Amino acid sequence: MSILLLLLQFKLWFGDASVRDVLSLKQTVQEQQVKNDQIKQRNAVLAAEVEDLKTGLEAIEERARSELGMIKKDETFIHIVEGESEESRSK
């Protein structure tokens, strides 16, 4: 009887699907859930941006201005170039 009990205990702690394996799997699942939550948040941000681009002309205009350098008709584009600093002139 004690041999059977020892075998069962051994299998419980060191065999397939042992306590150690279960704890390891729980940790892996927890880590994956954190990653999934981060990806869900990123997807929500992207979905909101897509919806904004589909419905709002302001978002499209903002992107066109910032990423493509576009301007509206009858607008004047002014590009300010800063002059050389005192340090760069003295070198």
PDB file of N, CA and C in Angstrom:
ATOM      1  N   MET A   1       0.813  -1.186   0.000  1.00  0.00           N
ATOM      2  CA  MET A   1       0.000   0.000   0.000  1.00  0.00           C
ATOM      3  C   MET A   1       0.864   1.262   0.000  1.00  0.00           C
ATOM      4  N   SER A   2       1.921   1.259   0.795  1.00  0.00           N
ATOM      5  CA  SER A   2       2.796   2.432   0.849  1.00  0.00           C
ATOM      6  C   SER A   2       3.551   2.623  -0.467  1.00  0.00           C
ATOM      7  N   ILE A   3       3.866   1.527  -1.163  1.00  0.00           N
ATOM      8  CA  ILE A   3       4.528   1.632  -2.466  1.00  0.00           C
ATOM      9  C   ILE A   3       3.593   2.303  -3.467  1.00  0.00           C
ATOM     10  N   LEU A   4       2.332   1.941  -3.450  1.00  0.00           N
ATOM     11  CA  LEU A   4       1.344   2.557  -4.328  1.00  0.00           C
ATOM     12  C   LEU A   4       1.215   4.050  -4.029  1.00  0.00           C
ATOM     13  N   LEU A   5       1.195   4.389  -2.766  1.00  0.00           N
ATOM     14  CA  LEU A   5       1.114   5.786  -2.352  1.00  0.00           C
ATOM     15  C   LEU A   5       2.353   6.552  -2.825  1.00  0.00           C
ATOM     16  N   LEU A   6       3.523   5.959  -2.691  1.00  0.00           N
ATOM     17  CA  LEU A   6       4.755   6.600  -3.166  1.00  0.00           C
ATOM     18  C   LEU A   6       4.737   6.788  -4.683  1.00  0.00           C
ATOM     19  N   LEU A   7       4.267   5.793  -5.407  1.00  0.00           N
ATOM     20  CA  LEU A   7       4.186   5.908  -6.859  1.00  0.00           C
ATOM     21  C   LEU A   7       3.230   7.031  -7.278  1.00  0.00           C
ATOM     22  N   LEU A   8       2.105   7.108  -6.589  1.00  0.00           N
ATOM     23  CA  LEU A   8       1.151   8.170  -6.905  1.00  0.00           C
ATOM     24  C   LEU A   8       1.727   9.548  -6.577  1.00  0.00           C
ATOM     25  N   GLN A   9       2.424   9.659  -5.461  1.00  0.00           N
ATOM     26  CA  GLN A   9       3.051  10.923  -5.095  1.00  0.00           C
ATOM     27  C   GLN A   9       4.141  11.307  -6.099  1.00  0.00           C
ATOM     28  N   PHE A  10       4.925  10.313  -6.502  1.00  0.00           N
ATOM     29  CA  PHE A  10       5.973  10.568  -7.478  1.00  0.00           C
ATOM     30  C   PHE A  10       5.365  11.090  -8.775  1.00  0.00           C
ATOM     31  N   LYS A  11       4.318  10.431  -9.233  1.00  0.00           N
ATOM     32  CA  LYS A  11       3.663  10.837 -10.480  1.00  0.00           C
ATOM     33  C   LYS A  11       3.051  12.231 -10.335  1.00  0.00           C
ATOM     34  N   LEU A  12       2.510  12.522  -9.162  1.00  0.00           N
ATOM     35  CA  LEU A  12       1.902  13.822  -8.912  1.00  0.00           C
ATOM     36  C   LEU A  12       2.936  14.943  -9.004  1.00  0.00           C
ATOM     37  N   TRP A  13       4.111  14.728  -8.456  1.00  0.00           N
ATOM     38  CA  TRP A  13       5.111  15.782  -8.409  1.00  0.00           C
ATOM     39  C   TRP A  13       6.082  15.779  -9.585  1.00  0.00           C
ATOM     40  N   PHE A  14       6.348  14.624 -10.192  1.00  0.00           N
ATOM     41  CA  PHE A  14       7.391  14.552 -11.216  1.00  0.00           C
ATOM     42  C   PHE A  14       6.938  13.967 -12.548  1.00  0.00           C
ATOM     43  N   GLY A  15       5.774  13.385 -12.644  1.00  0.00           N
ATOM     44  CA  GLY A  15       5.323  12.746 -13.870  1.00  0.00           C
ATOM     45  C   GLY A  15       4.720  13.727 -14.863  1.00  0.00           C
ATOM     46  N   ASP A  16       4.110  13.183 -15.924  1.00  0.00           N
ATOM     47  CA  ASP A  16       3.411  14.007 -16.898  1.00  0.00           C
ATOM     48  C   ASP A  16       2.239  14.691 -16.213  1.00  0.00           C
ATOM     49  N   ALA A  17       2.007  15.935 -16.557  1.00  0.00           N
ATOM     50  CA  ALA A  17       0.939  16.747 -15.969  1.00  0.00           C
ATOM     51  C   ALA A  17       1.108  16.852 -14.456  1.00  0.00           C
ATOM     52  N   SER A  18       2.349  17.008 -14.032  1.00  0.00           N
ATOM     53  CA  SER A  18       2.644  17.131 -12.603  1.00  0.00           C
ATOM     54  C   SER A  18       2.283  18.535 -12.116  1.00  0.00           C
ATOM     55  N   VAL A  19       2.389  18.721 -10.843  1.00  0.00           N
ATOM     56  CA  VAL A  19       2.103  20.024 -10.251  1.00  0.00           C
ATOM     57  C   VAL A  19       3.024  21.087 -10.851  1.00  0.00           C
ATOM     58  N   ARG A  20       4.275  20.734 -11.043  1.00  0.00           N
ATOM     59  CA  ARG A  20       5.237  21.666 -11.628  1.00  0.00           C
ATOM     60  C   ARG A  20       4.814  22.066 -13.044  1.00  0.00           C
ATOM     61  N   ASP A  21       4.371  21.104 -13.842  1.00  0.00           N
ATOM     62  CA  ASP A  21       3.912  21.387 -15.204  1.00  0.00           C
ATOM     63  C   ASP A  21       2.688  22.295 -15.197  1.00  0.00           C
ATOM     64  N   VAL A  22       1.773  22.032 -14.291  1.00  0.00           N
ATOM     65  CA  VAL A  22       0.554  22.841 -14.204  1.00  0.00           C
ATOM     66  C   VAL A  22       0.894  24.279 -13.822  1.00  0.00           C
ATOM     67  N   LEU A  23       1.796  24.459 -12.857  1.00  0.00           N
ATOM     68  CA  LEU A  23       2.197  25.809 -12.458  1.00  0.00           C
ATOM     69  C   LEU A  23       2.898  26.535 -13.595  1.00  0.00           C
ATOM     70  N   SER A  24       3.718  25.810 -14.322  1.00  0.00           N
ATOM     71  CA  SER A  24       4.407  26.400 -15.467  1.00  0.00           C
ATOM     72  C   SER A  24       3.412  26.823 -16.545  1.00  0.00           C
ATOM     73  N   LEU A  25       2.437  25.985 -16.808  1.00  0.00           N
ATOM     74  CA  LEU A  25       1.417  26.325 -17.801  1.00  0.00           C
ATOM     75  C   LEU A  25       0.575  27.524 -17.360  1.00  0.00           C
ATOM     76  N   LYS A  26       0.268  27.592 -16.067  1.00  0.00           N
ATOM     77  CA  LYS A  26      -0.486  28.745 -15.555  1.00  0.00           C
ATOM     78  C   LYS A  26       0.301  30.031 -15.767  1.00  0.00           C
ATOM     79  N   GLN A  27       1.600  29.982 -15.531  1.00  0.00           N
ATOM     80  CA  GLN A  27       2.451  31.150 -15.740  1.00  0.00           C
ATOM     81  C   GLN A  27       2.467  31.539 -17.215  1.00  0.00           C
ATOM     82  N   THR A  28       2.590  30.565 -18.092  1.00  0.00           N
ATOM     83  CA  THR A  28       2.596  30.821 -19.529  1.00  0.00           C
ATOM     84  C   THR A  28       1.279  31.440 -19.982  1.00  0.00           C
ATOM     85  N   VAL A  29       0.179  30.924 -19.478  1.00  0.00           N
ATOM     86  CA  VAL A  29      -1.138  31.464 -19.825  1.00  0.00           C
ATOM     87  C   VAL A  29      -1.256  32.902 -19.349  1.00  0.00           C
ATOM     88  N   GLN A  30      -0.779  33.186 -18.157  1.00  0.00           N
ATOM     89  CA  GLN A  30      -0.834  34.540 -17.616  1.00  0.00           C
ATOM     90  C   GLN A  30      -0.028  35.513 -18.477  1.00  0.00           C
ATOM     91  N   GLU A  31       1.167  35.108 -18.875  1.00  0.00           N
ATOM     92  CA  GLU A  31       2.000  35.946 -19.732  1.00  0.00           C
ATOM     93  C   GLU A  31       1.331  36.195 -21.076  1.00  0.00           C
ATOM     94  N   GLN A  32       0.705  35.154 -21.633  1.00  0.00           N
ATOM     95  CA  GLN A  32       0.034  35.300 -22.922  1.00  0.00           C
ATOM     96  C   GLN A  32      -1.177  36.225 -22.807  1.00  0.00           C
ATOM     97  N   GLN A  33      -1.874  36.169 -21.678  1.00  0.00           N
ATOM     98  CA  GLN A  33      -3.015  37.056 -21.476  1.00  0.00           C
ATOM     99  C   GLN A  33      -2.578  38.516 -21.430  1.00  0.00           C
ATOM    100  N   VAL A  34      -1.428  38.785 -20.807  1.00  0.00           N
ATOM    101  CA  VAL A  34      -0.897  40.148 -20.777  1.00  0.00           C
ATOM    102  C   VAL A  34      -0.579  40.610 -22.196  1.00  0.00           C
ATOM    103  N   LYS A  35       0.074  39.749 -22.972  1.00  0.00           N
ATOM    104  CA  LYS A  35       0.390  40.097 -24.370  1.00  0.00           C
ATOM    105  C   LYS A  35      -0.891  40.331 -25.164  1.00  0.00           C
ATOM    106  N   ASN A  36      -1.886  39.480 -24.967  1.00  0.00           N
ATOM    107  CA  ASN A  36      -3.156  39.632 -25.678  1.00  0.00           C
ATOM    108  C   ASN A  36      -3.833  40.948 -25.327  1.00  0.00           C
ATOM    109  N   ASP A  37      -3.786  41.327 -24.053  1.00  0.00           N
ATOM    110  CA  ASP A  37      -4.384  42.591 -23.633  1.00  0.00           C
ATOM    111  C   ASP A  37      -3.682  43.773 -24.298  1.00  0.00           C
ATOM    112  N   GLN A  38      -2.354  43.715 -24.389  1.00  0.00           N
ATOM    113  CA  GLN A  38      -1.606  44.787 -25.053  1.00  0.00           C
ATOM    114  C   GLN A  38      -1.985  44.870 -26.525  1.00  0.00           C
ATOM    115  N   ILE A  39      -2.109  43.732 -27.174  1.00  0.00           N
ATOM    116  CA  ILE A  39      -2.472  43.713 -28.587  1.00  0.00           C
ATOM    117  C   ILE A  39      -3.901  44.205 -28.784  1.00  0.00           C
ATOM    118  N   LYS A  40      -4.811  43.849 -27.858  1.00  0.00           N
ATOM    119  CA  LYS A  40      -6.190  44.341 -27.946  1.00  0.00           C
ATOM    120  C   LYS A  40      -6.230  45.860 -27.838  1.00  0.00           C
ATOM    121  N   GLN A  41      -5.429  46.413 -26.939  1.00  0.00           N
ATOM    122  CA  GLN A  41      -5.379  47.869 -26.800  1.00  0.00           C
ATOM    123  C   GLN A  41      -4.852  48.519 -28.078  1.00  0.00           C
ATOM    124  N   ARG A  42      -3.793  47.964 -28.639  1.00  0.00           N
ATOM    125  CA  ARG A  42      -3.238  48.509 -29.881  1.00  0.00           C
ATOM    126  C   ARG A  42      -4.248  48.412 -31.017  1.00  0.00           C
ATOM    127  N   ASN A  43      -4.964  47.275 -31.090  1.00  0.00           N
ATOM    128  CA  ASN A  43      -5.978  47.102 -32.127  1.00  0.00           C
ATOM    129  C   ASN A  43      -7.124  48.090 -31.960  1.00  0.00           C
ATOM    130  N   ALA A  44      -7.493  48.382 -30.718  1.00  0.00           N
ATOM    131  CA  ALA A  44      -8.563  49.354 -30.472  1.00  0.00           C
ATOM    132  C   ALA A  44      -8.143  50.745 -30.948  1.00  0.00           C
ATOM    133  N   VAL A  45      -6.897  51.107 -30.694  1.00  0.00           N
ATOM    134  CA  VAL A  45      -6.390  52.404 -31.160  1.00  0.00           C
ATOM    135  C   VAL A  45      -6.394  52.454 -32.682  1.00  0.00           C
ATOM    136  N   LEU A  46      -5.932  51.392 -33.310  1.00  0.00           N
ATOM    137  CA  LEU A  46      -5.911  51.345 -34.773  1.00  0.00           C
ATOM    138  C   LEU A  46      -7.316  51.363 -35.355  1.00  0.00           C
ATOM    139  N   ALA A  47      -8.248  50.650 -34.733  1.00  0.00           N
ATOM    140  CA  ALA A  47      -9.627  50.644 -35.215  1.00  0.00           C
ATOM    141  C   ALA A  47     -10.242  52.031 -35.112  1.00  0.00           C
ATOM    142  N   ALA A  48      -9.957  52.737 -34.022  1.00  0.00           N
ATOM    143  CA  ALA A  48     -10.468  54.096 -33.866  1.00  0.00           C
ATOM    144  C   ALA A  48      -9.881  55.020 -34.932  1.00  0.00           C
ATOM    145  N   GLU A  49      -8.612  54.838 -35.219  1.00  0.00           N
ATOM    146  CA  GLU A  49      -7.972  55.658 -36.249  1.00  0.00           C
ATOM    147  C   GLU A  49      -8.567  55.367 -37.629  1.00  0.00           C
ATOM    148  N   VAL A  50      -8.799  54.102 -37.920  1.00  0.00           N
ATOM    149  CA  VAL A  50      -9.409  53.731 -39.199  1.00  0.00           C
ATOM    150  C   VAL A  50     -10.806  54.333 -39.308  1.00  0.00           C
ATOM    151  N   GLU A  51     -11.578  54.225 -38.248  1.00  0.00           N
ATOM    152  CA  GLU A  51     -12.941  54.789 -38.255  1.00  0.00           C
ATOM    153  C   GLU A  51     -12.896  56.294 -38.450  1.00  0.00           C
ATOM    154  N   ASP A  52     -11.953  56.938 -37.792  1.00  0.00           N
ATOM    155  CA  ASP A  52     -11.803  58.384 -37.931  1.00  0.00           C
ATOM    156  C   ASP A  52     -11.439  58.760 -39.358  1.00  0.00           C
ATOM    157  N   LEU A  53     -10.562  57.982 -39.967  1.00  0.00           N
ATOM    158  CA  LEU A  53     -10.170  58.256 -41.351  1.00  0.00           C
ATOM    159  C   LEU A  53     -11.322  58.007 -42.328  1.00  0.00           C
ATOM    160  N   LYS A  54     -12.176  57.024 -42.017  1.00  0.00           N
ATOM    161  CA  LYS A  54     -13.316  56.735 -42.888  1.00  0.00           C
ATOM    162  C   LYS A  54     -14.377  57.819 -42.807  1.00  0.00           C
ATOM    163  N   THR A  55     -14.582  58.393 -41.633  1.00  0.00           N
ATOM    164  CA  THR A  55     -15.709  59.301 -41.444  1.00  0.00           C
ATOM    165  C   THR A  55     -15.325  60.769 -41.371  1.00  0.00           C
ATOM    166  N   GLY A  56     -14.137  61.061 -40.893  1.00  0.00           N
ATOM    167  CA  GLY A  56     -13.785  62.457 -40.660  1.00  0.00           C
ATOM    168  C   GLY A  56     -12.812  62.990 -41.686  1.00  0.00           C
ATOM    169  N   LEU A  57     -13.184  64.099 -42.307  1.00  0.00           N
ATOM    170  CA  LEU A  57     -12.281  64.730 -43.267  1.00  0.00           C
ATOM    171  C   LEU A  57     -11.127  65.433 -42.560  1.00  0.00           C
ATOM    172  N   GLU A  58     -11.336  65.804 -41.303  1.00  0.00           N
ATOM    173  CA  GLU A  58     -10.278  66.487 -40.565  1.00  0.00           C
ATOM    174  C   GLU A  58      -9.058  65.589 -40.379  1.00  0.00           C
ATOM    175  N   ALA A  59      -9.284  64.328 -40.110  1.00  0.00           N
ATOM    176  CA  ALA A  59      -8.162  63.407 -39.923  1.00  0.00           C
ATOM    177  C   ALA A  59      -7.397  63.214 -41.229  1.00  0.00           C
ATOM    178  N   ILE A  60      -8.123  63.135 -42.320  1.00  0.00           N
ATOM    179  CA  ILE A  60      -7.468  62.978 -43.629  1.00  0.00           C
ATOM    180  C   ILE A  60      -6.657  64.225 -43.941  1.00  0.00           C
ATOM    181  N   GLU A  61      -7.255  65.385 -43.680  1.00  0.00           N
ATOM    182  CA  GLU A  61      -6.554  66.644 -43.933  1.00  0.00           C
ATOM    183  C   GLU A  61      -5.305  66.755 -43.069  1.00  0.00           C
ATOM    184  N   GLU A  62      -5.411  66.371 -41.815  1.00  0.00           N
ATOM    185  CA  GLU A  62      -4.261  66.423 -40.899  1.00  0.00           C
ATOM    186  C   GLU A  62      -3.127  65.534 -41.392  1.00  0.00           C
ATOM    187  N   ARG A  63      -3.487  64.329 -41.840  1.00  0.00           N
ATOM    188  CA  ARG A  63      -2.453  63.416 -42.369  1.00  0.00           C
ATOM    189  C   ARG A  63      -1.825  63.984 -43.638  1.00  0.00           C
ATOM    190  N   ALA A  64      -2.646  64.517 -44.513  1.00  0.00           N
ATOM    191  CA  ALA A  64      -2.123  65.077 -45.763  1.00  0.00           C
ATOM    192  C   ALA A  64      -1.160  66.222 -45.482  1.00  0.00           C
ATOM    193  N   ARG A  65      -1.490  67.025 -44.500  1.00  0.00           N
ATOM    194  CA  ARG A  65      -0.615  68.157 -44.166  1.00  0.00           C
ATOM    195  C   ARG A  65       0.682  67.690 -43.519  1.00  0.00           C
ATOM    196  N   SER A  66       0.577  66.817 -42.526  1.00  0.00           N
ATOM    197  CA  SER A  66       1.770  66.441 -41.765  1.00  0.00           C
ATOM    198  C   SER A  66       2.667  65.455 -42.504  1.00  0.00           C
ATOM    199  N   GLU A  67       2.074  64.480 -43.179  1.00  0.00           N
ATOM    200  CA  GLU A  67       2.891  63.434 -43.794  1.00  0.00           C
ATOM    201  C   GLU A  67       3.256  63.732 -45.245  1.00  0.00           C
ATOM    202  N   LEU A  68       2.387  64.447 -45.952  1.00  0.00           N
ATOM    203  CA  LEU A  68       2.641  64.690 -47.366  1.00  0.00           C
ATOM    204  C   LEU A  68       2.997  66.139 -47.668  1.00  0.00           C
ATOM    205  N   GLY A  69       2.909  67.019 -46.664  1.00  0.00           N
ATOM    206  CA  GLY A  69       3.257  68.424 -46.857  1.00  0.00           C
ATOM    207  C   GLY A  69       2.287  69.166 -47.746  1.00  0.00           C
ATOM    208  N   MET A  70       1.045  68.724 -47.809  1.00  0.00           N
ATOM    209  CA  MET A  70       0.056  69.360 -48.687  1.00  0.00           C
ATOM    210  C   MET A  70      -0.515  70.618 -48.026  1.00  0.00           C
ATOM    211  N   ILE A  71      -0.944  71.548 -48.867  1.00  0.00           N
ATOM    212  CA  ILE A  71      -1.595  72.764 -48.388  1.00  0.00           C
ATOM    213  C   ILE A  71      -2.887  72.958 -49.169  1.00  0.00           C
ATOM    214  N   LYS A  72      -3.792  73.788 -48.601  1.00  0.00           N
ATOM    215  CA  LYS A  72      -5.064  74.074 -49.258  1.00  0.00           C
ATOM    216  C   LYS A  72      -4.871  75.115 -50.350  1.00  0.00           C
ATOM    217  N   LYS A  73      -5.839  75.187 -51.228  1.00  0.00           N
ATOM    218  CA  LYS A  73      -5.834  76.198 -52.274  1.00  0.00           C
ATOM    219  C   LYS A  73      -5.880  77.569 -51.605  1.00  0.00           C
ATOM    220  N   ASP A  74      -5.121  78.502 -52.142  1.00  0.00           N
ATOM    221  CA  ASP A  74      -5.025  79.882 -51.654  1.00  0.00           C
ATOM    222  C   ASP A  74      -4.333  79.989 -50.303  1.00  0.00           C
ATOM    223  N   GLU A  75      -3.658  78.944 -49.839  1.00  0.00           N
ATOM    224  CA  GLU A  75      -2.851  79.035 -48.630  1.00  0.00           C
ATOM    225  C   GLU A  75      -1.418  79.349 -49.032  1.00  0.00           C
ATOM    226  N   THR A  76      -0.696  79.947 -48.130  1.00  0.00           N
ATOM    227  CA  THR A  76       0.714  80.227 -48.371  1.00  0.00           C
ATOM    228  C   THR A  76       1.530  79.377 -47.413  1.00  0.00           C
ATOM    229  N   PHE A  77       2.467  78.641 -47.958  1.00  0.00           N
ATOM    230  CA  PHE A  77       3.326  77.790 -47.148  1.00  0.00           C
ATOM    231  C   PHE A  77       4.569  78.587 -46.767  1.00  0.00           C
ATOM    232  N   ILE A  78       4.850  78.628 -45.488  1.00  0.00           N
ATOM    233  CA  ILE A  78       6.017  79.346 -45.001  1.00  0.00           C
ATOM    234  C   ILE A  78       6.922  78.343 -44.299  1.00  0.00           C
ATOM    235  N   HIS A  79       8.150  78.259 -44.766  1.00  0.00           N
ATOM    236  CA  HIS A  79       9.138  77.362 -44.169  1.00  0.00           C
ATOM    237  C   HIS A  79      10.189  78.222 -43.492  1.00  0.00           C
ATOM    238  N   ILE A  80      10.330  78.078 -42.194  1.00  0.00           N
ATOM    239  CA  ILE A  80      11.275  78.887 -41.437  1.00  0.00           C
ATOM    240  C   ILE A  80      12.559  78.093 -41.240  1.00  0.00           C
ATOM    241  N   VAL A  81      13.647  78.672 -41.709  1.00  0.00           N
ATOM    242  CA  VAL A  81      14.960  78.060 -41.554  1.00  0.00           C
ATOM    243  C   VAL A  81      15.724  78.882 -40.534  1.00  0.00           C
ATOM    244  N   GLU A  82      16.140  78.209 -39.480  1.00  0.00           N
ATOM    245  CA  GLU A  82      16.884  78.918 -38.449  1.00  0.00           C
ATOM    246  C   GLU A  82      18.294  79.196 -38.942  1.00  0.00           C
ATOM    247  N   GLY A  83      18.808  80.355 -38.541  1.00  0.00           N
ATOM    248  CA  GLY A  83      20.156  80.745 -38.936  1.00  0.00           C
ATOM    249  C   GLY A  83      21.203  79.956 -38.180  1.00  0.00           C
ATOM    250  N   GLU A  84      22.457  80.152 -38.604  1.00  0.00           N
ATOM    251  CA  GLU A  84      23.558  79.477 -37.930  1.00  0.00           C
ATOM    252  C   GLU A  84      23.738  80.039 -36.533  1.00  0.00           C
ATOM    253  N   SER A  85      24.100  79.188 -35.609  1.00  0.00           N
ATOM    254  CA  SER A  85      24.365  79.644 -34.251  1.00  0.00           C
ATOM    255  C   SER A  85      25.750  80.263 -34.186  1.00  0.00           C
ATOM    256  N   GLU A  86      26.018  81.011 -33.134  1.00  0.00           N
ATOM    257  CA  GLU A  86      27.314  81.654 -32.952  1.00  0.00           C
ATOM    258  C   GLU A  86      28.430  80.631 -32.909  1.00  0.00           C
ATOM    259  N   GLU A  87      28.176  79.468 -32.296  1.00  0.00           N
ATOM    260  CA  GLU A  87      29.208  78.446 -32.162  1.00  0.00           C
ATOM    261  C   GLU A  87      29.623  77.891 -33.528  1.00  0.00           C
ATOM    262  N   SER A  88      28.633  77.641 -34.409  1.00  0.00           N
ATOM    263  CA  SER A  88      28.969  77.044 -35.706  1.00  0.00           C
ATOM    264  C   SER A  88      29.680  78.039 -36.606  1.00  0.00           C
ATOM    265  N   ARG A  89      29.435  79.358 -36.434  1.00  0.00           N
ATOM    266  CA  ARG A  89      30.121  80.364 -37.254  1.00  0.00           C
ATOM    267  C   ARG A  89      31.575  80.528 -36.842  1.00  0.00           C
ATOM    268  N   SER A  90      31.849  80.353 -35.567  1.00  0.00           N
ATOM    269  CA  SER A  90      33.225  80.594 -35.088  1.00  0.00           C
ATOM    270  C   SER A  90      34.146  79.428 -35.381  1.00  0.00           C
ATOM    271  N   LYS A  91      33.634  78.317 -35.815  1.00  0.00           N
ATOM    272  CA  LYS A  91      34.491  77.139 -36.078  1.00  0.00           C
ATOM    273  C   LYS A  91      35.120  77.180 -37.416  1.00  0.00           C
TER     274      LYS A  91
END
